[in-house]
Amino acid sequence: FGNKKRNGYRHLFGVSQLCRLYSTHFQLDQGLCAIMG
């Protein structure tokens, strides 16, 4: 609820998208990287 919910969305989805983006630099599976994030 509240800040915890907002922070959860921001952090989990933010890390996921960064993992997807940077996975190409390391030639790693984009889908797996997004899910681990």
PDB file of all heavy atoms in Angstrom:
ATOM      1  N   PHE A   1       0.843  -1.186   0.000  1.00  0.00           N
ATOM      2  CA  PHE A   1       0.000   0.000   0.000  1.00  0.00           C
ATOM      3  C   PHE A   1       0.882   1.240   0.000  1.00  0.00           C
ATOM      4  O   PHE A   1       2.027   1.202   0.447  1.00  0.00           O
ATOM      5  CB  PHE A   1      -0.921  -0.006   1.229  1.00  0.00           C
ATOM      6  CG  PHE A   1      -1.756  -1.240   1.303  1.00  0.00           C
ATOM      7  CD1 PHE A   1      -1.322  -2.336   2.043  1.00  0.00           C
ATOM      8  CD2 PHE A   1      -2.947  -1.339   0.609  1.00  0.00           C
ATOM      9  CE1 PHE A   1      -2.079  -3.504   2.092  1.00  0.00           C
ATOM     10  CE2 PHE A   1      -3.711  -2.497   0.656  1.00  0.00           C
ATOM     11  CZ  PHE A   1      -3.275  -3.581   1.401  1.00  0.00           C
ATOM     12  N   GLY A   2       0.351   2.343  -0.488  1.00  0.00           N
ATOM     13  CA  GLY A   2       1.034   3.631  -0.426  1.00  0.00           C
ATOM     14  C   GLY A   2       2.408   3.636  -1.057  1.00  0.00           C
ATOM     15  O   GLY A   2       2.587   3.166  -2.185  1.00  0.00           O
ATOM     16  N   ASN A   3       3.377   4.178  -0.310  1.00  0.00           N
ATOM     17  CA  ASN A   3       4.747   4.296  -0.811  1.00  0.00           C
ATOM     18  C   ASN A   3       5.368   2.944  -1.145  1.00  0.00           C
ATOM     19  O   ASN A   3       6.129   2.830  -2.092  1.00  0.00           O
ATOM     20  CB  ASN A   3       5.645   5.024   0.193  1.00  0.00           C
ATOM     21  CG  ASN A   3       5.372   6.505   0.227  1.00  0.00           C
ATOM     22  OD1 ASN A   3       4.817   7.065  -0.708  1.00  0.00           O
ATOM     23  ND2 ASN A   3       5.758   7.137   1.315  1.00  0.00           N
ATOM     24  N   LYS A   4       5.045   1.938  -0.363  1.00  0.00           N
ATOM     25  CA  LYS A   4       5.600   0.599  -0.605  1.00  0.00           C
ATOM     26  C   LYS A   4       5.149   0.092  -1.982  1.00  0.00           C
ATOM     27  O   LYS A   4       5.934  -0.475  -2.738  1.00  0.00           O
ATOM     28  CB  LYS A   4       5.156  -0.359   0.503  1.00  0.00           C
ATOM     29  CG  LYS A   4       5.776  -1.719   0.436  1.00  0.00           C
ATOM     30  CD  LYS A   4       7.139  -1.697   1.030  1.00  0.00           C
ATOM     31  CE  LYS A   4       7.631  -3.104   1.258  1.00  0.00           C
ATOM     32  NZ  LYS A   4       8.897  -3.143   1.938  1.00  0.00           N
ATOM     33  N   LYS A   5       3.897   0.322  -2.307  1.00  0.00           N
ATOM     34  CA  LYS A   5       3.371  -0.097  -3.613  1.00  0.00           C
ATOM     35  C   LYS A   5       4.057   0.680  -4.730  1.00  0.00           C
ATOM     36  O   LYS A   5       4.527   0.096  -5.706  1.00  0.00           O
ATOM     37  CB  LYS A   5       1.868   0.112  -3.679  1.00  0.00           C
ATOM     38  CG  LYS A   5       1.243  -0.350  -4.986  1.00  0.00           C
ATOM     39  CD  LYS A   5      -0.235  -0.019  -5.067  1.00  0.00           C
ATOM     40  CE  LYS A   5      -1.025  -0.979  -4.234  1.00  0.00           C
ATOM     41  NZ  LYS A   5      -2.485  -0.871  -4.463  1.00  0.00           N
ATOM     42  N   ARG A   6       4.131   1.994  -4.576  1.00  0.00           N
ATOM     43  CA  ARG A   6       4.756   2.836  -5.604  1.00  0.00           C
ATOM     44  C   ARG A   6       6.225   2.447  -5.800  1.00  0.00           C
ATOM     45  O   ARG A   6       6.697   2.289  -6.918  1.00  0.00           O
ATOM     46  CB  ARG A   6       4.632   4.313  -5.226  1.00  0.00           C
ATOM     47  CG  ARG A   6       5.065   5.240  -6.343  1.00  0.00           C
ATOM     48  CD  ARG A   6       4.905   6.712  -6.008  1.00  0.00           C
ATOM     49  NE  ARG A   6       5.926   7.135  -5.061  1.00  0.00           N
ATOM     50  CZ  ARG A   6       5.692   7.522  -3.805  1.00  0.00           C
ATOM     51  NH1 ARG A   6       4.455   7.560  -3.349  1.00  0.00           N
ATOM     52  NH2 ARG A   6       6.668   7.873  -3.019  1.00  0.00           N
ATOM     53  N   ASN A   7       6.938   2.270  -4.695  1.00  0.00           N
ATOM     54  CA  ASN A   7       8.347   1.876  -4.775  1.00  0.00           C
ATOM     55  C   ASN A   7       8.512   0.491  -5.379  1.00  0.00           C
ATOM     56  O   ASN A   7       9.465   0.241  -6.119  1.00  0.00           O
ATOM     57  CB  ASN A   7       9.004   1.930  -3.399  1.00  0.00           C
ATOM     58  CG  ASN A   7       9.174   3.349  -2.909  1.00  0.00           C
ATOM     59  OD1 ASN A   7       9.180   4.292  -3.691  1.00  0.00           O
ATOM     60  ND2 ASN A   7       9.291   3.508  -1.603  1.00  0.00           N
ATOM     61  N   GLY A   8       7.591  -0.405  -5.065  1.00  0.00           N
ATOM     62  CA  GLY A   8       7.655  -1.751  -5.635  1.00  0.00           C
ATOM     63  C   GLY A   8       7.543  -1.731  -7.148  1.00  0.00           C
ATOM     64  O   GLY A   8       8.344  -2.337  -7.858  1.00  0.00           O
ATOM     65  N   TYR A   9       6.543  -1.022  -7.637  1.00  0.00           N
ATOM     66  CA  TYR A   9       6.390  -0.906  -9.090  1.00  0.00           C
ATOM     67  C   TYR A   9       7.611  -0.261  -9.725  1.00  0.00           C
ATOM     68  O   TYR A   9       8.162  -0.776 -10.702  1.00  0.00           O
ATOM     69  CB  TYR A   9       5.139  -0.103  -9.457  1.00  0.00           C
ATOM     70  CG  TYR A   9       3.857  -0.855  -9.271  1.00  0.00           C
ATOM     71  CD1 TYR A   9       2.800  -0.302  -8.558  1.00  0.00           C
ATOM     72  CD2 TYR A   9       3.691  -2.121  -9.811  1.00  0.00           C
ATOM     73  CE1 TYR A   9       1.616  -0.995  -8.391  1.00  0.00           C
ATOM     74  CE2 TYR A   9       2.515  -2.818  -9.650  1.00  0.00           C
ATOM     75  CZ  TYR A   9       1.479  -2.256  -8.935  1.00  0.00           C
ATOM     76  OH  TYR A   9       0.315  -2.948  -8.776  1.00  0.00           O
ATOM     77  N   ARG A  10       8.042   0.857  -9.154  1.00  0.00           N
ATOM     78  CA  ARG A  10       9.185   1.579  -9.734  1.00  0.00           C
ATOM     79  C   ARG A  10      10.427   0.703  -9.759  1.00  0.00           C
ATOM     80  O   ARG A  10      11.079   0.569 -10.798  1.00  0.00           O
ATOM     81  CB  ARG A  10       9.471   2.852  -8.931  1.00  0.00           C
ATOM     82  CG  ARG A  10      10.702   3.606  -9.424  1.00  0.00           C
ATOM     83  CD  ARG A  10      11.124   4.728  -8.491  1.00  0.00           C
ATOM     84  NE  ARG A  10      11.285   4.367  -7.099  1.00  0.00           N
ATOM     85  CZ  ARG A  10      12.377   3.748  -6.598  1.00  0.00           C
ATOM     86  NH1 ARG A  10      13.379   3.426  -7.368  1.00  0.00           N
ATOM     87  NH2 ARG A  10      12.442   3.465  -5.310  1.00  0.00           N
ATOM     88  N   HIS A  11      10.745   0.113  -8.629  1.00  0.00           N
ATOM     89  CA  HIS A  11      12.006  -0.617  -8.538  1.00  0.00           C
ATOM     90  C   HIS A  11      11.977  -1.927  -9.333  1.00  0.00           C
ATOM     91  O   HIS A  11      12.888  -2.181 -10.136  1.00  0.00           O
ATOM     92  CB  HIS A  11      12.367  -0.879  -7.079  1.00  0.00           C
ATOM     93  CG  HIS A  11      13.711  -1.492  -6.920  1.00  0.00           C
ATOM     94  ND1 HIS A  11      14.879  -0.848  -7.297  1.00  0.00           N
ATOM     95  CD2 HIS A  11      14.091  -2.709  -6.449  1.00  0.00           C
ATOM     96  CE1 HIS A  11      15.918  -1.634  -7.061  1.00  0.00           C
ATOM     97  NE2 HIS A  11      15.462  -2.777  -6.550  1.00  0.00           N
ATOM     98  N   LEU A  12      10.969  -2.757  -9.128  1.00  0.00           N
ATOM     99  CA  LEU A  12      10.944  -4.050  -9.830  1.00  0.00           C
ATOM    100  C   LEU A  12      10.853  -3.879 -11.344  1.00  0.00           C
ATOM    101  O   LEU A  12      11.614  -4.511 -12.092  1.00  0.00           O
ATOM    102  CB  LEU A  12       9.789  -4.914  -9.327  1.00  0.00           C
ATOM    103  CG  LEU A  12       9.865  -5.349  -7.875  1.00  0.00           C
ATOM    104  CD1 LEU A  12       8.636  -6.170  -7.496  1.00  0.00           C
ATOM    105  CD2 LEU A  12      11.137  -6.129  -7.595  1.00  0.00           C
ATOM    106  N   PHE A  13       9.970  -3.017 -11.789  1.00  0.00           N
ATOM    107  CA  PHE A  13       9.815  -2.827 -13.236  1.00  0.00           C
ATOM    108  C   PHE A  13      10.994  -2.040 -13.814  1.00  0.00           C
ATOM    109  O   PHE A  13      11.409  -2.284 -14.946  1.00  0.00           O
ATOM    110  CB  PHE A  13       8.466  -2.179 -13.557  1.00  0.00           C
ATOM    111  CG  PHE A  13       7.312  -3.111 -13.335  1.00  0.00           C
ATOM    112  CD1 PHE A  13       6.690  -3.188 -12.100  1.00  0.00           C
ATOM    113  CD2 PHE A  13       6.872  -3.951 -14.343  1.00  0.00           C
ATOM    114  CE1 PHE A  13       5.636  -4.075 -11.876  1.00  0.00           C
ATOM    115  CE2 PHE A  13       5.830  -4.843 -14.141  1.00  0.00           C
ATOM    116  CZ  PHE A  13       5.202  -4.907 -12.897  1.00  0.00           C
ATOM    117  N   GLY A  14      11.563  -1.133 -13.032  1.00  0.00           N
ATOM    118  CA  GLY A  14      12.743  -0.393 -13.480  1.00  0.00           C
ATOM    119  C   GLY A  14      13.950  -1.289 -13.656  1.00  0.00           C
ATOM    120  O   GLY A  14      14.644  -1.233 -14.680  1.00  0.00           O
ATOM    121  N   VAL A  15      14.209  -2.127 -12.665  1.00  0.00           N
ATOM    122  CA  VAL A  15      15.343  -3.065 -12.762  1.00  0.00           C
ATOM    123  C   VAL A  15      15.115  -4.026 -13.921  1.00  0.00           C
ATOM    124  O   VAL A  15      16.032  -4.331 -14.685  1.00  0.00           O
ATOM    125  CB  VAL A  15      15.574  -3.824 -11.431  1.00  0.00           C
ATOM    126  CG1 VAL A  15      16.621  -4.925 -11.600  1.00  0.00           C
ATOM    127  CG2 VAL A  15      16.003  -2.850 -10.332  1.00  0.00           C
ATOM    128  N   SER A  16      13.890  -4.466 -14.090  1.00  0.00           N
ATOM    129  CA  SER A  16      13.570  -5.375 -15.189  1.00  0.00           C
ATOM    130  C   SER A  16      13.907  -4.758 -16.545  1.00  0.00           C
ATOM    131  O   SER A  16      14.543  -5.405 -17.397  1.00  0.00           O
ATOM    132  CB  SER A  16      12.081  -5.737 -15.133  1.00  0.00           C
ATOM    133  OG  SER A  16      11.728  -6.559 -16.216  1.00  0.00           O
ATOM    134  N   GLN A  17      13.508  -3.519 -16.747  1.00  0.00           N
ATOM    135  CA  GLN A  17      13.770  -2.867 -18.032  1.00  0.00           C
ATOM    136  C   GLN A  17      15.257  -2.591 -18.232  1.00  0.00           C
ATOM    137  O   GLN A  17      15.772  -2.720 -19.352  1.00  0.00           O
ATOM    138  CB  GLN A  17      12.945  -1.588 -18.154  1.00  0.00           C
ATOM    139  CG  GLN A  17      11.454  -1.857 -18.249  1.00  0.00           C
ATOM    140  CD  GLN A  17      11.107  -2.887 -19.312  1.00  0.00           C
ATOM    141  OE1 GLN A  17      11.466  -2.756 -20.473  1.00  0.00           O
ATOM    142  NE2 GLN A  17      10.407  -3.936 -18.908  1.00  0.00           N
ATOM    143  N   LEU A  18      15.957  -2.228 -17.174  1.00  0.00           N
ATOM    144  CA  LEU A  18      17.409  -2.044 -17.292  1.00  0.00           C
ATOM    145  C   LEU A  18      18.097  -3.368 -17.625  1.00  0.00           C
ATOM    146  O   LEU A  18      19.024  -3.403 -18.435  1.00  0.00           O
ATOM    147  CB  LEU A  18      17.981  -1.449 -16.008  1.00  0.00           C
ATOM    148  CG  LEU A  18      17.655   0.019 -15.764  1.00  0.00           C
ATOM    149  CD1 LEU A  18      18.022   0.424 -14.342  1.00  0.00           C
ATOM    150  CD2 LEU A  18      18.368   0.909 -16.778  1.00  0.00           C
ATOM    151  N   CYS A  19      17.642  -4.441 -17.016  1.00  0.00           N
ATOM    152  CA  CYS A  19      18.214  -5.766 -17.322  1.00  0.00           C
ATOM    153  C   CYS A  19      18.003  -6.110 -18.800  1.00  0.00           C
ATOM    154  O   CYS A  19      18.913  -6.606 -19.469  1.00  0.00           O
ATOM    155  CB  CYS A  19      17.594  -6.841 -16.436  1.00  0.00           C
ATOM    156  SG  CYS A  19      18.199  -6.887 -14.747  1.00  0.00           S
ATOM    157  N   ARG A  20      16.815  -5.838 -19.286  1.00  0.00           N
ATOM    158  CA  ARG A  20      16.521  -6.099 -20.699  1.00  0.00           C
ATOM    159  C   ARG A  20      17.451  -5.264 -21.585  1.00  0.00           C
ATOM    160  O   ARG A  20      18.051  -5.757 -22.536  1.00  0.00           O
ATOM    161  CB  ARG A  20      15.067  -5.784 -21.016  1.00  0.00           C
ATOM    162  CG  ARG A  20      14.697  -6.048 -22.475  1.00  0.00           C
ATOM    163  CD  ARG A  20      13.283  -5.623 -22.810  1.00  0.00           C
ATOM    164  NE  ARG A  20      12.252  -6.243 -22.024  1.00  0.00           N
ATOM    165  CZ  ARG A  20      11.753  -7.460 -22.263  1.00  0.00           C
ATOM    166  NH1 ARG A  20      12.198  -8.175 -23.263  1.00  0.00           N
ATOM    167  NH2 ARG A  20      10.795  -7.952 -21.500  1.00  0.00           N
ATOM    168  N   LEU A  21      17.575  -3.991 -21.272  1.00  0.00           N
ATOM    169  CA  LEU A  21      18.410  -3.079 -22.058  1.00  0.00           C
ATOM    170  C   LEU A  21      19.875  -3.505 -22.067  1.00  0.00           C
ATOM    171  O   LEU A  21      20.490  -3.622 -23.134  1.00  0.00           O
ATOM    172  CB  LEU A  21      18.283  -1.659 -21.492  1.00  0.00           C
ATOM    173  CG  LEU A  21      19.229  -0.611 -22.075  1.00  0.00           C
ATOM    174  CD1 LEU A  21      18.797  -0.259 -23.488  1.00  0.00           C
ATOM    175  CD2 LEU A  21      19.234   0.623 -21.194  1.00  0.00           C
ATOM    176  N   TYR A  22      20.432  -3.736 -20.890  1.00  0.00           N
ATOM    177  CA  TYR A  22      21.859  -4.049 -20.799  1.00  0.00           C
ATOM    178  C   TYR A  22      22.190  -5.489 -21.196  1.00  0.00           C
ATOM    179  O   TYR A  22      23.354  -5.799 -21.463  1.00  0.00           O
ATOM    180  CB  TYR A  22      22.391  -3.755 -19.397  1.00  0.00           C
ATOM    181  CG  TYR A  22      22.685  -2.294 -19.169  1.00  0.00           C
ATOM    182  CD1 TYR A  22      21.772  -1.481 -18.517  1.00  0.00           C
ATOM    183  CD2 TYR A  22      23.873  -1.732 -19.622  1.00  0.00           C
ATOM    184  CE1 TYR A  22      22.040  -0.135 -18.314  1.00  0.00           C
ATOM    185  CE2 TYR A  22      24.146  -0.391 -19.425  1.00  0.00           C
ATOM    186  CZ  TYR A  22      23.227   0.399 -18.772  1.00  0.00           C
ATOM    187  OH  TYR A  22      23.502   1.728 -18.584  1.00  0.00           O
ATOM    188  N   SER A  23      21.214  -6.360 -21.264  1.00  0.00           N
ATOM    189  CA  SER A  23      21.482  -7.757 -21.626  1.00  0.00           C
ATOM    190  C   SER A  23      22.135  -7.862 -23.001  1.00  0.00           C
ATOM    191  O   SER A  23      22.945  -8.763 -23.232  1.00  0.00           O
ATOM    192  CB  SER A  23      20.202  -8.585 -21.589  1.00  0.00           C
ATOM    193  OG  SER A  23      19.301  -8.175 -22.603  1.00  0.00           O
ATOM    194  N   THR A  24      21.817  -6.934 -23.893  1.00  0.00           N
ATOM    195  CA  THR A  24      22.395  -6.988 -25.236  1.00  0.00           C
ATOM    196  C   THR A  24      23.901  -6.726 -25.213  1.00  0.00           C
ATOM    197  O   THR A  24      24.632  -7.269 -26.029  1.00  0.00           O
ATOM    198  CB  THR A  24      21.708  -5.979 -26.175  1.00  0.00           C
ATOM    199  OG1 THR A  24      21.843  -4.669 -25.640  1.00  0.00           O
ATOM    200  CG2 THR A  24      20.236  -6.299 -26.333  1.00  0.00           C
ATOM    201  N   HIS A  25      24.367  -5.904 -24.263  1.00  0.00           N
ATOM    202  CA  HIS A  25      25.806  -5.633 -24.148  1.00  0.00           C
ATOM    203  C   HIS A  25      26.586  -6.886 -23.755  1.00  0.00           C
ATOM    204  O   HIS A  25      27.755  -7.007 -24.082  1.00  0.00           O
ATOM    205  CB  HIS A  25      26.081  -4.536 -23.108  1.00  0.00           C
ATOM    206  CG  HIS A  25      25.670  -3.174 -23.554  1.00  0.00           C
ATOM    207  ND1 HIS A  25      26.396  -2.421 -24.450  1.00  0.00           N
ATOM    208  CD2 HIS A  25      24.589  -2.419 -23.229  1.00  0.00           C
ATOM    209  CE1 HIS A  25      25.792  -1.274 -24.654  1.00  0.00           C
ATOM    210  NE2 HIS A  25      24.699  -1.238 -23.929  1.00  0.00           N
ATOM    211  N   PHE A  26      25.927  -7.777 -23.033  1.00  0.00           N
ATOM    212  CA  PHE A  26      26.593  -8.986 -22.546  1.00  0.00           C
ATOM    213  C   PHE A  26      26.169 -10.229 -23.320  1.00  0.00           C
ATOM    214  O   PHE A  26      26.561 -11.337 -22.979  1.00  0.00           O
ATOM    215  CB  PHE A  26      26.291  -9.170 -21.051  1.00  0.00           C
ATOM    216  CG  PHE A  26      26.772  -8.027 -20.217  1.00  0.00           C
ATOM    217  CD1 PHE A  26      25.889  -7.054 -19.767  1.00  0.00           C
ATOM    218  CD2 PHE A  26      28.117  -7.897 -19.897  1.00  0.00           C
ATOM    219  CE1 PHE A  26      26.325  -5.988 -19.003  1.00  0.00           C
ATOM    220  CE2 PHE A  26      28.563  -6.833 -19.138  1.00  0.00           C
ATOM    221  CZ  PHE A  26      27.667  -5.875 -18.686  1.00  0.00           C
ATOM    222  N   GLN A  27      25.337 -10.038 -24.336  1.00  0.00           N
ATOM    223  CA  GLN A  27      24.824 -11.125 -25.165  1.00  0.00           C
ATOM    224  C   GLN A  27      24.145 -12.203 -24.319  1.00  0.00           C
ATOM    225  O   GLN A  27      24.376 -13.398 -24.471  1.00  0.00           O
ATOM    226  CB  GLN A  27      25.939 -11.700 -26.040  1.00  0.00           C
ATOM    227  CG  GLN A  27      26.467 -10.662 -27.004  1.00  0.00           C
ATOM    228  CD  GLN A  27      27.795 -11.027 -27.617  1.00  0.00           C
ATOM    229  OE1 GLN A  27      28.459 -11.943 -27.176  1.00  0.00           O
ATOM    230  NE2 GLN A  27      28.175 -10.292 -28.634  1.00  0.00           N
ATOM    231  N   LEU A  28      23.291 -11.730 -23.401  1.00  0.00           N
ATOM    232  CA  LEU A  28      22.522 -12.621 -22.543  1.00  0.00           C
ATOM    233  C   LEU A  28      21.073 -12.636 -23.009  1.00  0.00           C
ATOM    234  O   LEU A  28      20.621 -11.725 -23.710  1.00  0.00           O
ATOM    235  CB  LEU A  28      22.604 -12.145 -21.090  1.00  0.00           C
ATOM    236  CG  LEU A  28      24.009 -12.075 -20.486  1.00  0.00           C
ATOM    237  CD1 LEU A  28      23.958 -11.500 -19.077  1.00  0.00           C
ATOM    238  CD2 LEU A  28      24.674 -13.441 -20.487  1.00  0.00           C
ATOM    239  N   ASP A  29      20.343 -13.648 -22.618  1.00  0.00           N
ATOM    240  CA  ASP A  29      18.944 -13.798 -23.009  1.00  0.00           C
ATOM    241  C   ASP A  29      18.107 -12.652 -22.435  1.00  0.00           C
ATOM    242  O   ASP A  29      17.969 -12.529 -21.217  1.00  0.00           O
ATOM    243  CB  ASP A  29      18.430 -15.150 -22.513  1.00  0.00           C
ATOM    244  CG  ASP A  29      17.025 -15.426 -22.957  1.00  0.00           C
ATOM    245  OD1 ASP A  29      16.100 -14.776 -22.422  1.00  0.00           O
ATOM    246  OD2 ASP A  29      16.838 -16.304 -23.830  1.00  0.00           O
ATOM    247  N   GLN A  30      17.543 -11.819 -23.306  1.00  0.00           N
ATOM    248  CA  GLN A  30      16.776 -10.644 -22.878  1.00  0.00           C
ATOM    249  C   GLN A  30      15.584 -11.008 -22.007  1.00  0.00           C
ATOM    250  O   GLN A  30      15.309 -10.347 -21.014  1.00  0.00           O
ATOM    251  CB  GLN A  30      16.268  -9.862 -24.084  1.00  0.00           C
ATOM    252  CG  GLN A  30      17.284  -9.000 -24.739  1.00  0.00           C
ATOM    253  CD  GLN A  30      16.646  -8.114 -25.810  1.00  0.00           C
ATOM    254  OE1 GLN A  30      15.585  -8.428 -26.352  1.00  0.00           O
ATOM    255  NE2 GLN A  30      17.296  -7.013 -26.119  1.00  0.00           N
ATOM    256  N   GLY A  31      14.869 -12.030 -22.398  1.00  0.00           N
ATOM    257  CA  GLY A  31      13.681 -12.433 -21.647  1.00  0.00           C
ATOM    258  C   GLY A  31      14.014 -12.894 -20.249  1.00  0.00           C
ATOM    259  O   GLY A  31      13.352 -12.497 -19.273  1.00  0.00           O
ATOM    260  N   LEU A  32      15.031 -13.735 -20.119  1.00  0.00           N
ATOM    261  CA  LEU A  32      15.440 -14.208 -18.794  1.00  0.00           C
ATOM    262  C   LEU A  32      15.925 -13.043 -17.937  1.00  0.00           C
ATOM    263  O   LEU A  32      15.631 -12.972 -16.737  1.00  0.00           O
ATOM    264  CB  LEU A  32      16.530 -15.273 -18.899  1.00  0.00           C
ATOM    265  CG  LEU A  32      16.163 -16.588 -19.592  1.00  0.00           C
ATOM    266  CD1 LEU A  32      17.331 -17.554 -19.540  1.00  0.00           C
ATOM    267  CD2 LEU A  32      14.908 -17.196 -18.995  1.00  0.00           C
ATOM    268  N   CYS A  33      16.650 -12.134 -18.552  1.00  0.00           N
ATOM    269  CA  CYS A  33      17.160 -10.975 -17.814  1.00  0.00           C
ATOM    270  C   CYS A  33      16.018 -10.093 -17.318  1.00  0.00           C
ATOM    271  O   CYS A  33      16.032  -9.632 -16.172  1.00  0.00           O
ATOM    272  CB  CYS A  33      18.127 -10.176 -18.680  1.00  0.00           C
ATOM    273  SG  CYS A  33      19.679 -11.041 -18.982  1.00  0.00           S
ATOM    274  N   ALA A  34      15.038  -9.864 -18.154  1.00  0.00           N
ATOM    275  CA  ALA A  34      13.894  -9.048 -17.746  1.00  0.00           C
ATOM    276  C   ALA A  34      13.137  -9.707 -16.598  1.00  0.00           C
ATOM    277  O   ALA A  34      12.731  -9.034 -15.640  1.00  0.00           O
ATOM    278  CB  ALA A  34      12.967  -8.811 -18.936  1.00  0.00           C
ATOM    279  N   ILE A  35      12.995 -11.009 -16.660  1.00  0.00           N
ATOM    280  CA  ILE A  35      12.263 -11.725 -15.610  1.00  0.00           C
ATOM    281  C   ILE A  35      13.043 -11.751 -14.306  1.00  0.00           C
ATOM    282  O   ILE A  35      12.475 -11.543 -13.236  1.00  0.00           O
ATOM    283  CB  ILE A  35      11.893 -13.145 -16.097  1.00  0.00           C
ATOM    284  CG1 ILE A  35      10.811 -13.024 -17.175  1.00  0.00           C
ATOM    285  CG2 ILE A  35      11.440 -14.026 -14.937  1.00  0.00           C
ATOM    286  CD1 ILE A  35      10.561 -14.268 -17.985  1.00  0.00           C
ATOM    287  N   MET A  36      14.353 -11.930 -14.367  1.00  0.00           N
ATOM    288  CA  MET A  36      15.133 -11.925 -13.119  1.00  0.00           C
ATOM    289  C   MET A  36      15.078 -10.545 -12.475  1.00  0.00           C
ATOM    290  O   MET A  36      15.025 -10.423 -11.256  1.00  0.00           O
ATOM    291  CB  MET A  36      16.564 -12.404 -13.330  1.00  0.00           C
ATOM    292  CG  MET A  36      17.468 -11.468 -14.061  1.00  0.00           C
ATOM    293  SD  MET A  36      19.075 -12.235 -14.374  1.00  0.00           S
ATOM    294  CE  MET A  36      19.946 -10.805 -15.026  1.00  0.00           C
ATOM    295  N   GLY A  37      15.053  -9.494 -13.289  1.00  0.00           N
ATOM    296  CA  GLY A  37      14.914  -8.147 -12.754  1.00  0.00           C
ATOM    297  C   GLY A  37      13.568  -7.941 -12.084  1.00  0.00           C
ATOM    298  O   GLY A  37      13.468  -7.323 -11.025  1.00  0.00           O
TER     299      GLY A  37
END
